[in-house]
Amino acid sequence: MELARLENTISQKIRWLAHEPKREVLSYSGYGIGGYYYNTSDHDSRSTTQNSGVMVEAESLHMSTTKDKNPIYASMLYYGVIEDIWELNYTQFKILVFRCNWVDNNGGVKVDENGFTLVDLNKEVDPNDQFIFASQAKQVFYVNDPNDGRWSIVLTTKPKLYDRGDVCDNIEETPSFSRGLPESDDIDIEDVAYVREDCEGIYVEEDTTSRKKRKRT
């Protein structure tokens, strides 16, 4: 009787999760979720834009020393780069996960005197703990530190686009981050106005009397 009552309290989602997903896993190079559009690092390497940076907030156990008998749980931010985007199919529902390379917070993350967070993307943690739910991720961008090429500055952004079926936020609020400057051919010179708008203009009549006609020879 007790076992029957316990079975009745188990949700259908838990039951399907216990059956494990189908063996066929869909893999994506890019995917829109939660107001962000993400790419894998391989896709980013062939693009002028960057969409593979992620940040996740997780609670972990913290100890002051190895002999600390009073460890505490605290939230910590982790920074990484998406390597794979997989969709797990549980028949009744699907779950999107990111496989990421994560920066080691011990020596791989610091905050400078101006309050910017910097990461060393080459200092990675244990590769056995790489997966997160896509719904947990927040998108970040990494910009090379001009003072030290080892470090990258972390820039955050607001959700702006690409949630499937949902109304997107105003994309104009957050400009795209690019790896380089645009080519000169991409700039429309005719749209550039060389007119000052911070002061009142003065109209000057053209002096036609000072013109001299050139004699033909």
Protein backbone atom coordinates (compact mmCIF):
# COMPACT_ATOMS: atom_id res chain seq x y z
CA MET A 1 0.00 0.00 0.00
CA GLU A 2 2.79 2.42 0.90
CA LEU A 3 4.61 1.68 -2.36
CA ALA A 4 1.42 2.26 -4.36
CA ARG A 5 0.92 5.67 -2.72
CA LEU A 6 4.50 6.64 -3.56
CA GLU A 7 4.04 5.65 -7.20
CA ASN A 8 0.96 7.82 -7.47
CA THR A 9 2.93 10.87 -6.31
CA ILE A 10 5.62 10.53 -9.00
CA SER A 11 5.06 12.98 -11.85
CA GLN A 12 4.96 11.87 -15.48
CA LYS A 13 8.06 13.93 -16.25
CA ILE A 14 10.07 12.04 -13.60
CA ARG A 15 8.83 8.77 -15.08
CA TRP A 16 9.99 9.72 -18.58
CA LEU A 17 13.35 10.93 -17.25
CA ALA A 18 13.85 7.55 -15.60
CA HIS A 19 13.43 5.87 -19.00
CA GLU A 20 16.40 7.88 -20.36
CA PRO A 21 16.34 9.82 -23.66
CA LYS A 22 16.34 8.35 -27.14
CA ARG A 23 19.72 7.32 -28.49
CA GLU A 24 19.45 9.73 -31.42
CA VAL A 25 20.59 13.18 -30.28
CA LEU A 26 20.12 16.28 -32.41
CA SER A 27 23.16 18.54 -32.54
CA TYR A 28 23.02 22.23 -33.44
CA SER A 29 25.67 24.79 -34.33
CA GLY A 30 23.32 27.58 -33.21
CA TYR A 31 20.11 27.81 -31.17
CA GLY A 32 17.82 30.55 -29.83
CA ILE A 33 16.48 30.24 -26.29
CA GLY A 34 15.69 32.52 -23.37
CA GLY A 35 16.01 35.68 -25.44
CA TYR A 36 19.55 34.87 -26.60
CA TYR A 37 21.01 33.24 -29.70
CA TYR A 38 23.92 30.90 -28.99
CA ASN A 39 26.55 29.38 -31.27
CA THR A 40 29.19 26.73 -30.68
CA SER A 41 32.80 27.85 -30.50
CA ASP A 42 33.47 26.07 -33.78
CA HIS A 43 30.75 28.12 -35.49
CA ASP A 44 32.13 31.32 -33.94
CA SER A 45 35.60 30.54 -35.27
CA ARG A 46 34.19 30.88 -38.80
CA SER A 47 32.16 34.02 -38.06
CA THR A 48 32.85 37.71 -37.44
CA THR A 49 30.53 37.73 -34.41
CA GLN A 50 30.73 35.99 -31.05
CA ASN A 51 27.82 34.06 -29.51
CA SER A 52 29.46 31.13 -27.71
CA GLY A 53 30.25 32.78 -24.36
CA VAL A 54 28.09 31.74 -21.40
CA MET A 55 27.79 32.41 -17.70
CA VAL A 56 25.93 30.35 -15.11
CA GLU A 57 25.25 30.97 -11.43
CA ALA A 58 25.59 27.86 -9.30
CA GLU A 59 25.65 27.06 -5.61
CA SER A 60 28.71 25.23 -4.38
CA LEU A 61 30.37 24.21 -1.14
CA HIS A 62 33.11 26.59 0.04
CA MET A 63 35.85 25.82 2.59
CA SER A 64 38.50 28.20 3.86
CA THR A 65 41.03 25.34 4.19
CA THR A 66 41.11 21.58 3.66
CA LYS A 67 40.58 21.17 7.42
CA ASP A 68 37.60 23.55 7.57
CA LYS A 69 34.86 21.84 9.63
CA ASN A 70 32.25 24.51 8.89
CA PRO A 71 31.97 24.76 5.12
CA ILE A 72 29.23 26.97 3.70
CA TYR A 73 27.15 26.93 0.54
CA ALA A 74 27.36 30.08 -1.55
CA SER A 75 26.48 31.15 -5.07
CA MET A 76 29.29 31.59 -7.56
CA LEU A 77 29.46 32.67 -11.18
CA TYR A 78 31.12 30.40 -13.70
CA TYR A 79 32.26 31.48 -17.17
CA GLY A 80 32.68 29.25 -20.18
CA VAL A 81 32.48 28.64 -23.92
CA ILE A 82 29.93 26.41 -25.65
CA GLU A 83 31.44 23.42 -27.43
CA ASP A 84 28.24 21.49 -28.29
CA ILE A 85 24.49 22.15 -28.32
CA TRP A 86 22.44 18.96 -27.93
CA GLU A 87 18.71 18.31 -27.82
CA LEU A 88 17.70 15.28 -25.73
CA ASN A 89 14.41 13.66 -26.73
CA TYR A 90 12.36 12.06 -23.94
CA THR A 91 9.41 11.34 -26.28
CA GLN A 92 6.96 13.51 -24.35
CA PHE A 93 9.33 16.48 -24.08
CA LYS A 94 12.78 17.64 -25.16
CA ILE A 95 15.62 19.14 -23.14
CA LEU A 96 18.35 21.37 -24.57
CA VAL A 97 21.80 21.13 -22.99
CA PHE A 98 25.12 22.89 -23.57
CA ARG A 99 28.46 21.14 -23.29
CA CYS A 100 30.93 23.83 -22.26
CA ASN A 101 34.56 24.36 -21.40
CA TRP A 102 34.54 26.19 -18.07
CA VAL A 103 37.14 28.58 -16.73
CA ASP A 104 38.71 27.57 -13.43
CA ASN A 105 37.69 30.13 -10.79
CA ASN A 106 40.90 29.36 -8.91
CA GLY A 107 43.38 31.52 -10.80
CA GLY A 108 41.33 31.86 -13.97
CA VAL A 109 38.97 34.65 -12.89
CA LYS A 110 39.76 38.05 -11.38
CA VAL A 111 38.28 41.53 -10.94
CA ASP A 112 40.47 44.50 -11.85
CA GLU A 113 40.70 47.90 -10.15
CA ASN A 114 37.94 49.27 -12.39
CA GLY A 115 35.48 46.55 -11.41
CA PHE A 116 35.70 44.57 -14.67
CA THR A 117 35.68 40.77 -14.50
CA LEU A 118 38.49 39.16 -16.47
CA VAL A 119 38.93 35.48 -17.34
CA ASP A 120 41.76 33.31 -18.62
CA LEU A 121 40.00 31.13 -21.21
CA ASN A 122 43.00 28.79 -21.36
CA LYS A 123 42.69 27.87 -17.67
CA GLU A 124 39.92 25.25 -17.67
CA VAL A 125 38.39 23.06 -14.97
CA ASP A 126 37.79 19.30 -14.88
CA PRO A 127 36.28 18.26 -18.27
CA ASN A 128 34.05 15.69 -16.53
CA ASP A 129 31.67 18.42 -15.36
CA GLN A 130 30.76 20.28 -18.54
CA PHE A 131 26.98 20.15 -19.03
CA ILE A 132 24.30 22.68 -18.10
CA PHE A 133 20.68 23.13 -19.10
CA ALA A 134 20.40 25.79 -21.79
CA SER A 135 17.72 27.47 -19.67
CA GLN A 136 20.35 28.10 -16.96
CA ALA A 137 22.73 30.00 -19.23
CA LYS A 138 23.24 33.74 -19.55
CA GLN A 139 25.10 35.04 -22.59
CA VAL A 140 28.39 36.90 -22.18
CA PHE A 141 31.03 38.22 -24.58
CA TYR A 142 34.79 38.04 -24.16
CA VAL A 143 36.94 40.95 -25.34
CA ASN A 144 40.74 40.69 -25.32
CA ASP A 145 42.40 42.81 -22.65
CA PRO A 146 44.65 45.28 -24.54
CA ASN A 147 47.06 45.37 -21.57
CA ASP A 148 47.51 41.61 -21.23
CA GLY A 149 46.65 39.15 -24.00
CA ARG A 150 46.25 36.31 -21.52
CA TRP A 151 43.07 37.82 -20.10
CA SER A 152 39.65 38.55 -21.62
CA ILE A 153 37.16 41.10 -20.31
CA VAL A 154 33.66 39.76 -19.62
CA LEU A 155 30.78 41.81 -21.03
CA THR A 156 27.17 40.95 -20.24
CA THR A 157 24.10 41.72 -22.34
CA LYS A 158 20.34 41.75 -22.01
CA PRO A 159 18.05 39.17 -23.63
CA LYS A 160 17.12 40.53 -27.02
CA LEU A 161 16.01 38.00 -29.59
CA TYR A 162 15.38 34.49 -30.86
CA ASP A 163 13.16 32.82 -28.26
CA ARG A 164 11.15 30.43 -30.45
CA GLY A 165 7.52 31.49 -30.54
CA ASP A 166 7.92 34.28 -27.99
CA VAL A 167 7.83 38.01 -28.54
CA CYS A 168 11.42 39.30 -28.58
CA ASP A 169 12.71 42.30 -26.67
CA ASN A 170 13.97 45.45 -28.37
CA ILE A 171 17.09 44.41 -30.21
CA GLU A 172 18.23 48.02 -30.56
CA GLU A 173 18.92 48.22 -26.80
CA THR A 174 21.95 45.96 -27.07
CA PRO A 175 24.42 46.37 -29.95
CA SER A 176 26.14 43.32 -31.38
CA PHE A 177 29.74 42.60 -30.44
CA SER A 178 32.10 41.97 -33.33
CA ARG A 179 35.57 40.50 -33.48
CA GLY A 180 36.79 43.30 -35.76
CA LEU A 181 36.00 46.54 -37.51
CA PRO A 182 33.69 46.50 -40.54
CA GLU A 183 35.22 46.62 -43.99
CA SER A 184 35.17 50.00 -45.71
CA ASP A 185 32.94 48.57 -48.45
CA ASP A 186 30.22 47.98 -45.82
CA ILE A 187 29.99 51.68 -44.95
CA ASP A 188 27.64 53.84 -47.00
CA ILE A 189 29.49 57.15 -47.36
CA GLU A 190 26.44 58.91 -48.76
CA ASP A 191 24.57 58.41 -45.48
CA VAL A 192 27.20 60.30 -43.46
CA ALA A 193 26.22 63.92 -42.72
CA TYR A 194 28.99 66.44 -42.09
CA VAL A 195 26.76 69.05 -40.49
CA ARG A 196 27.08 70.42 -36.97
CA GLU A 197 23.86 70.33 -34.99
CA ASP A 198 25.13 71.78 -31.71
CA CYS A 199 24.89 75.45 -32.75
CA GLU A 200 22.78 77.77 -34.89
CA GLY A 201 23.86 78.11 -38.49
CA ILE A 202 24.77 81.39 -40.25
CA TYR A 203 23.65 81.95 -43.81
CA VAL A 204 26.16 83.72 -46.09
CA GLU A 205 25.20 85.10 -49.48
CA GLU A 206 27.42 84.16 -52.37
CA ASP A 207 29.60 87.06 -53.63
CA THR A 208 29.30 86.97 -57.40
CA THR A 209 31.17 90.24 -58.03
CA SER A 210 34.49 88.78 -57.03
CA ARG A 211 34.32 86.11 -59.70
CA LYS A 212 36.44 86.60 -62.77
CA LYS A 213 35.81 85.02 -66.08
CA ARG A 214 38.67 83.06 -67.45
CA LYS A 215 39.78 84.06 -70.92
CA ARG A 216 39.97 81.37 -73.49
CA THR A 217 43.33 81.00 -75.12
